[in-house]
Amino acid sequence: MKQWLCRIRRIENLTPVVYRVVLELPEPLEFEAGQYLQVVMGERDKRPFSIASCPSSTQQLELHIGAAANNPYALEVLNKMRDEQQITIEVPLGQASYRADSARPIILIAGGTGFSYTWSILQAHLRSGSTRPITLYWGARNVEDLYYDAQLRELAAQHEPLHYCPVVENAPAQWHGATGLVHHAVMAEQTDLNEADVYVAGRFEMVRVIRDAFHGQGLPLSQLYGDALAFI
């Protein structure tokens, strides 16, 4: 892990409050799918964001930043990027990366912009050519928050090992997918959690509930991955 001064190549809206940020690195970077970086706002102010990129992208890093008006923690980072057109980061960080050498089926669980963590792992898995089943559950409050929904449906149609399950809390009448909380959808479909590798990212409260509920259903904690687990 070291510090890199990166140029801001692109900032674009994915939703009215979620932004796709592309950082241009000063030199090639090697990292693992599922790792994260820290934006250096000050000597004692470093803010973590999951890397959404596949590790095959060595010159650029993609971030998905949820920066609503009531989230100054992320909004300040986004404003600094816009104003200065460069940012200092520390990378790579995190121990909850993709276990390519495992033979177990993969379950990815994302809440909101926690999707960026699972997106990196999903891309790496599909790129590897592995036939291991991989299921992505992406939970959001509203359908509009599933900003890569069309792309994921297309990938699921193209790749037989991939099953994509979007879960919406405030579902409209015409919604035909799962509704409610994302971990409930997982537990309704997955009866053998002990046989899977589970990767999770989202709000700490969500990760805590998933850890306790899944462990109670037989999932060994050694098969549950997520950097938030180190803090709860």
C-alpha atoms as a PDB file:
ATOM      1  CA  MET A   1       0.000   0.000   0.000  1.00  0.00           C
ATOM      2  CA  LYS A   2       1.282   3.461  -0.924  1.00  0.00           C
ATOM      3  CA  GLN A   3      -0.005   6.902  -1.811  1.00  0.00           C
ATOM      4  CA  TRP A   4      -0.822   7.820  -5.412  1.00  0.00           C
ATOM      5  CA  LEU A   5      -1.720  11.212  -6.836  1.00  0.00           C
ATOM      6  CA  CYS A   6      -4.423  10.528  -9.419  1.00  0.00           C
ATOM      7  CA  ARG A   7      -6.003  12.731 -12.045  1.00  0.00           C
ATOM      8  CA  ILE A   8      -9.798  12.826 -12.170  1.00  0.00           C
ATOM      9  CA  ARG A   9     -10.623  11.539 -15.618  1.00  0.00           C
ATOM     10  CA  ARG A  10     -14.423  11.461 -15.342  1.00  0.00           C
ATOM     11  CA  ILE A  11     -17.282  12.175 -12.934  1.00  0.00           C
ATOM     12  CA  GLU A  12     -20.735  11.227 -14.172  1.00  0.00           C
ATOM     13  CA  ASN A  13     -24.139  10.581 -12.640  1.00  0.00           C
ATOM     14  CA  LEU A  14     -25.384   7.021 -12.275  1.00  0.00           C
ATOM     15  CA  THR A  15     -28.424   8.292 -10.351  1.00  0.00           C
ATOM     16  CA  PRO A  16     -29.210  11.801  -9.074  1.00  0.00           C
ATOM     17  CA  VAL A  17     -27.110  11.055  -5.967  1.00  0.00           C
ATOM     18  CA  VAL A  18     -24.682   8.312  -7.073  1.00  0.00           C
ATOM     19  CA  TYR A  19     -21.628   9.141  -9.153  1.00  0.00           C
ATOM     20  CA  ARG A  20     -19.230   7.097 -11.225  1.00  0.00           C
ATOM     21  CA  VAL A  21     -15.726   8.453 -10.748  1.00  0.00           C
ATOM     22  CA  VAL A  22     -12.794   7.334 -12.906  1.00  0.00           C
ATOM     23  CA  LEU A  23      -9.305   7.978 -11.562  1.00  0.00           C
ATOM     24  CA  GLU A  24      -6.278   7.929 -13.839  1.00  0.00           C
ATOM     25  CA  LEU A  25      -3.261   6.380 -12.118  1.00  0.00           C
ATOM     26  CA  PRO A  26       0.280   7.713 -12.552  1.00  0.00           C
ATOM     27  CA  GLU A  27       1.554   4.162 -13.138  1.00  0.00           C
ATOM     28  CA  PRO A  28       0.062   0.649 -13.410  1.00  0.00           C
ATOM     29  CA  LEU A  29      -1.419  -0.770 -10.218  1.00  0.00           C
ATOM     30  CA  GLU A  30      -1.847  -4.390  -9.186  1.00  0.00           C
ATOM     31  CA  PHE A  31      -4.754  -5.084  -6.837  1.00  0.00           C
ATOM     32  CA  GLU A  32      -7.236  -7.847  -6.051  1.00  0.00           C
ATOM     33  CA  ALA A  33     -10.941  -7.797  -6.870  1.00  0.00           C
ATOM     34  CA  GLY A  34     -12.820  -6.684  -3.774  1.00  0.00           C
ATOM     35  CA  GLN A  35     -10.130  -4.417  -2.355  1.00  0.00           C
ATOM     36  CA  TYR A  36     -10.638  -0.753  -1.531  1.00  0.00           C
ATOM     37  CA  LEU A  37      -8.778   2.553  -1.453  1.00  0.00           C
ATOM     38  CA  GLN A  38      -8.682   5.495   0.913  1.00  0.00           C
ATOM     39  CA  VAL A  39      -9.041   9.067  -0.274  1.00  0.00           C
ATOM     40  CA  VAL A  40      -6.586  11.241   1.645  1.00  0.00           C
ATOM     41  CA  MET A  41      -8.449  14.348   2.743  1.00  0.00           C
ATOM     42  CA  GLY A  42      -5.865  15.190   5.407  1.00  0.00           C
ATOM     43  CA  GLU A  43      -3.109  13.587   7.449  1.00  0.00           C
ATOM     44  CA  ARG A  44      -5.672  12.110   9.844  1.00  0.00           C
ATOM     45  CA  ASP A  45      -8.656  12.095   7.518  1.00  0.00           C
ATOM     46  CA  LYS A  46      -8.697   9.152   5.120  1.00  0.00           C
ATOM     47  CA  ARG A  47     -12.008   7.955   3.692  1.00  0.00           C
ATOM     48  CA  PRO A  48     -12.514   4.432   2.277  1.00  0.00           C
ATOM     49  CA  PHE A  49     -14.282   3.552  -0.979  1.00  0.00           C
ATOM     50  CA  SER A  50     -14.551   0.166  -2.660  1.00  0.00           C
ATOM     51  CA  ILE A  51     -12.853  -0.203  -6.027  1.00  0.00           C
ATOM     52  CA  ALA A  52     -15.450  -1.048  -8.656  1.00  0.00           C
ATOM     53  CA  SER A  53     -12.882  -1.871 -11.339  1.00  0.00           C
ATOM     54  CA  CYS A  54     -11.792  -5.310 -12.433  1.00  0.00           C
ATOM     55  CA  PRO A  55      -8.085  -5.876 -11.622  1.00  0.00           C
ATOM     56  CA  SER A  56      -7.442  -6.197 -15.349  1.00  0.00           C
ATOM     57  CA  SER A  57      -7.770  -2.398 -15.424  1.00  0.00           C
ATOM     58  CA  THR A  58      -4.335  -1.345 -14.219  1.00  0.00           C
ATOM     59  CA  GLN A  59      -4.233   2.297 -15.347  1.00  0.00           C
ATOM     60  CA  GLN A  60      -7.647   3.479 -14.131  1.00  0.00           C
ATOM     61  CA  LEU A  61      -9.812   2.930 -11.064  1.00  0.00           C
ATOM     62  CA  GLU A  62     -13.591   3.196 -11.018  1.00  0.00           C
ATOM     63  CA  LEU A  63     -15.491   4.270  -7.901  1.00  0.00           C
ATOM     64  CA  HIS A  64     -19.231   4.499  -7.213  1.00  0.00           C
ATOM     65  CA  ILE A  65     -19.809   7.289  -4.706  1.00  0.00           C
ATOM     66  CA  GLY A  66     -23.175   7.912  -3.082  1.00  0.00           C
ATOM     67  CA  ALA A  67     -23.097  11.633  -2.298  1.00  0.00           C
ATOM     68  CA  ALA A  68     -26.536  12.847  -1.278  1.00  0.00           C
ATOM     69  CA  ALA A  69     -26.848  16.257   0.352  1.00  0.00           C
ATOM     70  CA  ASN A  70     -27.210  14.621   3.798  1.00  0.00           C
ATOM     71  CA  ASN A  71     -23.952  12.671   3.362  1.00  0.00           C
ATOM     72  CA  PRO A  72     -21.148  15.232   3.802  1.00  0.00           C
ATOM     73  CA  TYR A  73     -18.600  12.435   4.324  1.00  0.00           C
ATOM     74  CA  ALA A  74     -18.836  11.474   0.643  1.00  0.00           C
ATOM     75  CA  LEU A  75     -19.997  14.835  -0.723  1.00  0.00           C
ATOM     76  CA  GLU A  76     -16.846  16.559   0.549  1.00  0.00           C
ATOM     77  CA  VAL A  77     -14.718  14.006  -1.305  1.00  0.00           C
ATOM     78  CA  LEU A  78     -16.669  14.504  -4.514  1.00  0.00           C
ATOM     79  CA  ASN A  79     -16.415  18.295  -4.260  1.00  0.00           C
ATOM     80  CA  LYS A  80     -12.664  18.083  -3.679  1.00  0.00           C
ATOM     81  CA  MET A  81     -12.317  15.928  -6.794  1.00  0.00           C
ATOM     82  CA  ARG A  82     -14.339  18.409  -8.845  1.00  0.00           C
ATOM     83  CA  ASP A  83     -12.508  21.458  -7.554  1.00  0.00           C
ATOM     84  CA  GLU A  84      -8.938  20.166  -7.770  1.00  0.00           C
ATOM     85  CA  GLN A  85      -9.264  17.638 -10.616  1.00  0.00           C
ATOM     86  CA  GLN A  86      -6.846  15.365  -8.759  1.00  0.00           C
ATOM     87  CA  ILE A  87      -6.842  13.377  -5.543  1.00  0.00           C
ATOM     88  CA  THR A  88      -4.370  11.510  -3.367  1.00  0.00           C
ATOM     89  CA  ILE A  89      -5.308   7.934  -2.539  1.00  0.00           C
ATOM     90  CA  GLU A  90      -3.863   5.044  -0.569  1.00  0.00           C
ATOM     91  CA  VAL A  91      -4.250   1.710  -2.325  1.00  0.00           C
ATOM     92  CA  PRO A  92      -4.643  -1.264  -2.294  1.00  0.00           C
ATOM     93  CA  LEU A  93      -6.309  -2.064   1.025  1.00  0.00           C
ATOM     94  CA  GLY A  94      -8.568  -4.819   2.346  1.00  0.00           C
ATOM     95  CA  GLN A  95      -8.521  -8.531   3.119  1.00  0.00           C
ATOM     96  CA  ALA A  96     -11.988  -9.452   1.805  1.00  0.00           C
ATOM     97  CA  SER A  97     -10.938  -9.981  -1.785  1.00  0.00           C
ATOM     98  CA  TYR A  98     -12.047 -12.603  -4.323  1.00  0.00           C
ATOM     99  CA  ARG A  99     -10.899 -16.155  -3.515  1.00  0.00           C
ATOM    100  CA  ALA A 100     -10.258 -17.490  -7.002  1.00  0.00           C
ATOM    101  CA  ASP A 101      -8.816 -20.756  -5.714  1.00  0.00           C
ATOM    102  CA  SER A 102     -11.985 -21.809  -3.867  1.00  0.00           C
ATOM    103  CA  ALA A 103     -14.256 -24.450  -5.384  1.00  0.00           C
ATOM    104  CA  ARG A 104     -17.411 -23.296  -3.575  1.00  0.00           C
ATOM    105  CA  PRO A 105     -20.318 -21.471  -5.262  1.00  0.00           C
ATOM    106  CA  ILE A 106     -20.220 -17.701  -4.803  1.00  0.00           C
ATOM    107  CA  ILE A 107     -22.938 -15.501  -3.292  1.00  0.00           C
ATOM    108  CA  LEU A 108     -22.483 -11.742  -3.644  1.00  0.00           C
ATOM    109  CA  ILE A 109     -24.687  -9.459  -1.523  1.00  0.00           C
ATOM    110  CA  ALA A 110     -24.748  -5.702  -1.987  1.00  0.00           C
ATOM    111  CA  GLY A 111     -26.717  -2.916  -0.412  1.00  0.00           C
ATOM    112  CA  GLY A 112     -26.802   0.376  -2.316  1.00  0.00           C
ATOM    113  CA  THR A 113     -23.373   1.483  -3.518  1.00  0.00           C
ATOM    114  CA  GLY A 114     -21.891  -1.539  -1.747  1.00  0.00           C
ATOM    115  CA  PHE A 115     -22.526  -2.930  -5.230  1.00  0.00           C
ATOM    116  CA  SER A 116     -19.137  -1.530  -6.309  1.00  0.00           C
ATOM    117  CA  TYR A 117     -17.383  -4.158  -4.156  1.00  0.00           C
ATOM    118  CA  THR A 118     -19.388  -7.011  -5.656  1.00  0.00           C
ATOM    119  CA  TRP A 119     -19.073  -5.580  -9.182  1.00  0.00           C
ATOM    120  CA  SER A 120     -15.284  -5.868  -9.029  1.00  0.00           C
ATOM    121  CA  ILE A 121     -15.509  -9.483  -7.865  1.00  0.00           C
ATOM    122  CA  LEU A 122     -18.164 -10.380 -10.434  1.00  0.00           C
ATOM    123  CA  GLN A 123     -16.088  -8.984 -13.304  1.00  0.00           C
ATOM    124  CA  ALA A 124     -12.987 -10.852 -12.145  1.00  0.00           C
ATOM    125  CA  HIS A 125     -14.913 -14.117 -11.808  1.00  0.00           C
ATOM    126  CA  LEU A 126     -16.485 -13.891 -15.258  1.00  0.00           C
ATOM    127  CA  ARG A 127     -13.167 -12.890 -16.791  1.00  0.00           C
ATOM    128  CA  SER A 128     -11.492 -15.956 -15.227  1.00  0.00           C
ATOM    129  CA  GLY A 129     -13.695 -18.311 -17.232  1.00  0.00           C
ATOM    130  CA  SER A 130     -14.615 -20.273 -14.108  1.00  0.00           C
ATOM    131  CA  THR A 131     -17.788 -22.340 -14.257  1.00  0.00           C
ATOM    132  CA  ARG A 132     -18.440 -21.957 -10.531  1.00  0.00           C
ATOM    133  CA  PRO A 133     -21.981 -20.641  -9.978  1.00  0.00           C
ATOM    134  CA  ILE A 134     -22.101 -17.008  -8.890  1.00  0.00           C
ATOM    135  CA  THR A 135     -25.241 -15.276  -7.645  1.00  0.00           C
ATOM    136  CA  LEU A 136     -25.537 -11.534  -7.109  1.00  0.00           C
ATOM    137  CA  TYR A 137     -28.210 -10.130  -4.801  1.00  0.00           C
ATOM    138  CA  TRP A 138     -28.405  -6.353  -5.028  1.00  0.00           C
ATOM    139  CA  GLY A 139     -30.694  -4.616  -2.561  1.00  0.00           C
ATOM    140  CA  ALA A 140     -31.975  -1.075  -3.056  1.00  0.00           C
ATOM    141  CA  ARG A 141     -34.770   1.086  -1.725  1.00  0.00           C
ATOM    142  CA  ASN A 142     -36.118   1.961  -5.167  1.00  0.00           C
ATOM    143  CA  VAL A 143     -35.863   0.453  -8.647  1.00  0.00           C
ATOM    144  CA  GLU A 144     -34.081   3.597  -9.864  1.00  0.00           C
ATOM    145  CA  ASP A 145     -31.229   2.934  -7.426  1.00  0.00           C
ATOM    146  CA  LEU A 146     -30.226  -0.223  -9.356  1.00  0.00           C
ATOM    147  CA  TYR A 147     -28.058   1.789 -11.705  1.00  0.00           C
ATOM    148  CA  TYR A 148     -26.410  -1.188 -13.465  1.00  0.00           C
ATOM    149  CA  ASP A 149     -29.585  -3.286 -13.628  1.00  0.00           C
ATOM    150  CA  ALA A 150     -29.807  -3.510 -17.429  1.00  0.00           C
ATOM    151  CA  GLN A 151     -26.115  -4.358 -17.732  1.00  0.00           C
ATOM    152  CA  LEU A 152     -26.408  -7.109 -15.124  1.00  0.00           C
ATOM    153  CA  ARG A 153     -29.449  -8.656 -16.777  1.00  0.00           C
ATOM    154  CA  GLU A 154     -27.535  -8.747 -20.049  1.00  0.00           C
ATOM    155  CA  LEU A 155     -24.516 -10.366 -18.387  1.00  0.00           C
ATOM    156  CA  ALA A 156     -26.744 -13.002 -16.755  1.00  0.00           C
ATOM    157  CA  ALA A 157     -28.188 -13.831 -20.173  1.00  0.00           C
ATOM    158  CA  GLN A 158     -24.694 -14.195 -21.625  1.00  0.00           C
ATOM    159  CA  HIS A 159     -23.040 -16.153 -18.796  1.00  0.00           C
ATOM    160  CA  GLU A 160     -24.665 -19.374 -17.623  1.00  0.00           C
ATOM    161  CA  PRO A 161     -22.937 -19.455 -14.196  1.00  0.00           C
ATOM    162  CA  LEU A 162     -24.369 -16.018 -13.274  1.00  0.00           C
ATOM    163  CA  HIS A 163     -27.705 -15.547 -11.546  1.00  0.00           C
ATOM    164  CA  TYR A 164     -28.750 -11.955 -10.836  1.00  0.00           C
ATOM    165  CA  CYS A 165     -31.421 -11.169  -8.241  1.00  0.00           C
ATOM    166  CA  PRO A 166     -32.310  -7.498  -7.684  1.00  0.00           C
ATOM    167  CA  VAL A 167     -34.254  -6.806  -4.477  1.00  0.00           C
ATOM    168  CA  VAL A 168     -36.294  -3.628  -4.007  1.00  0.00           C
ATOM    169  CA  GLU A 169     -37.785  -2.398  -0.732  1.00  0.00           C
ATOM    170  CA  ASN A 170     -40.246   0.133  -2.193  1.00  0.00           C
ATOM    171  CA  ALA A 171     -41.295  -1.852  -5.233  1.00  0.00           C
ATOM    172  CA  PRO A 172     -43.829  -0.447  -7.712  1.00  0.00           C
ATOM    173  CA  ALA A 173     -46.845  -2.504  -8.739  1.00  0.00           C
ATOM    174  CA  GLN A 174     -45.246  -3.525 -12.043  1.00  0.00           C
ATOM    175  CA  TRP A 175     -42.089  -4.877 -10.359  1.00  0.00           C
ATOM    176  CA  HIS A 176     -41.644  -8.618 -10.952  1.00  0.00           C
ATOM    177  CA  GLY A 177     -38.475  -9.193  -8.916  1.00  0.00           C
ATOM    178  CA  ALA A 178     -37.861  -9.828  -5.234  1.00  0.00           C
ATOM    179  CA  THR A 179     -39.120  -7.315  -2.674  1.00  0.00           C
ATOM    180  CA  GLY A 180     -38.171  -6.448   0.885  1.00  0.00           C
ATOM    181  CA  LEU A 181     -34.767  -6.766   2.508  1.00  0.00           C
ATOM    182  CA  VAL A 182     -31.920  -8.254   0.510  1.00  0.00           C
ATOM    183  CA  HIS A 183     -30.815 -10.812   3.131  1.00  0.00           C
ATOM    184  CA  HIS A 184     -34.357 -12.177   3.333  1.00  0.00           C
ATOM    185  CA  ALA A 185     -34.269 -12.828  -0.408  1.00  0.00           C
ATOM    186  CA  VAL A 186     -30.974 -14.683  -0.016  1.00  0.00           C
ATOM    187  CA  MET A 187     -32.271 -16.854   2.809  1.00  0.00           C
ATOM    188  CA  ALA A 188     -35.443 -17.650   0.870  1.00  0.00           C
ATOM    189  CA  GLU A 189     -33.446 -18.961  -2.108  1.00  0.00           C
ATOM    190  CA  GLN A 190     -30.255 -20.332  -0.579  1.00  0.00           C
ATOM    191  CA  THR A 191     -30.791 -23.399   1.587  1.00  0.00           C
ATOM    192  CA  ASP A 192     -27.147 -24.521   1.783  1.00  0.00           C
ATOM    193  CA  LEU A 193     -25.261 -21.425   2.856  1.00  0.00           C
ATOM    194  CA  ASN A 194     -22.593 -23.606   4.464  1.00  0.00           C
ATOM    195  CA  GLU A 195     -21.527 -24.728   0.988  1.00  0.00           C
ATOM    196  CA  ALA A 196     -20.923 -21.205  -0.379  1.00  0.00           C
ATOM    197  CA  ASP A 197     -18.438 -18.350  -0.219  1.00  0.00           C
ATOM    198  CA  VAL A 198     -20.422 -15.244   0.702  1.00  0.00           C
ATOM    199  CA  TYR A 199     -19.204 -11.704  -0.016  1.00  0.00           C
ATOM    200  CA  VAL A 200     -21.126  -8.777   1.449  1.00  0.00           C
ATOM    201  CA  ALA A 201     -20.932  -4.973   1.303  1.00  0.00           C
ATOM    202  CA  GLY A 202     -23.289  -2.259   2.469  1.00  0.00           C
ATOM    203  CA  ARG A 203     -24.169  -0.349   5.612  1.00  0.00           C
ATOM    204  CA  PHE A 204     -22.580  -1.742   8.764  1.00  0.00           C
ATOM    205  CA  GLU A 205     -26.026  -2.512  10.227  1.00  0.00           C
ATOM    206  CA  MET A 206     -26.898  -4.617   7.194  1.00  0.00           C
ATOM    207  CA  VAL A 207     -23.612  -6.502   7.298  1.00  0.00           C
ATOM    208  CA  ARG A 208     -24.055  -7.209  11.029  1.00  0.00           C
ATOM    209  CA  VAL A 209     -27.560  -8.607  10.482  1.00  0.00           C
ATOM    210  CA  ILE A 210     -26.348 -10.788   7.611  1.00  0.00           C
ATOM    211  CA  ARG A 211     -23.411 -12.107   9.632  1.00  0.00           C
ATOM    212  CA  ASP A 212     -25.625 -13.121  12.550  1.00  0.00           C
ATOM    213  CA  ALA A 213     -28.493 -14.493  10.458  1.00  0.00           C
ATOM    214  CA  PHE A 214     -26.333 -16.488   8.058  1.00  0.00           C
ATOM    215  CA  HIS A 215     -24.110 -17.879  10.798  1.00  0.00           C
ATOM    216  CA  GLY A 216     -27.273 -18.988  12.558  1.00  0.00           C
ATOM    217  CA  GLN A 217     -28.228 -20.833   9.368  1.00  0.00           C
ATOM    218  CA  GLY A 218     -24.926 -22.725   9.285  1.00  0.00           C
ATOM    219  CA  LEU A 219     -22.565 -20.473   7.333  1.00  0.00           C
ATOM    220  CA  PRO A 220     -19.041 -20.716   8.795  1.00  0.00           C
ATOM    221  CA  LEU A 221     -17.713 -17.227   9.469  1.00  0.00           C
ATOM    222  CA  SER A 222     -14.534 -18.265   7.643  1.00  0.00           C
ATOM    223  CA  GLN A 223     -16.640 -18.336   4.435  1.00  0.00           C
ATOM    224  CA  LEU A 224     -18.074 -14.850   4.931  1.00  0.00           C
ATOM    225  CA  TYR A 225     -16.077 -11.961   3.454  1.00  0.00           C
ATOM    226  CA  GLY A 226     -16.498  -8.213   3.807  1.00  0.00           C
ATOM    227  CA  ASP A 227     -14.206  -5.512   5.119  1.00  0.00           C
ATOM    228  CA  ALA A 228     -16.989  -4.144   7.329  1.00  0.00           C
ATOM    229  CA  LEU A 229     -16.772  -7.363   9.369  1.00  0.00           C
ATOM    230  CA  ALA A 230     -13.489  -6.154  10.866  1.00  0.00           C
ATOM    231  CA  PHE A 231     -15.309  -3.194  12.452  1.00  0.00           C
ATOM    232  CA  ILE A 232     -18.463  -4.834  13.792  1.00  0.00           C
END
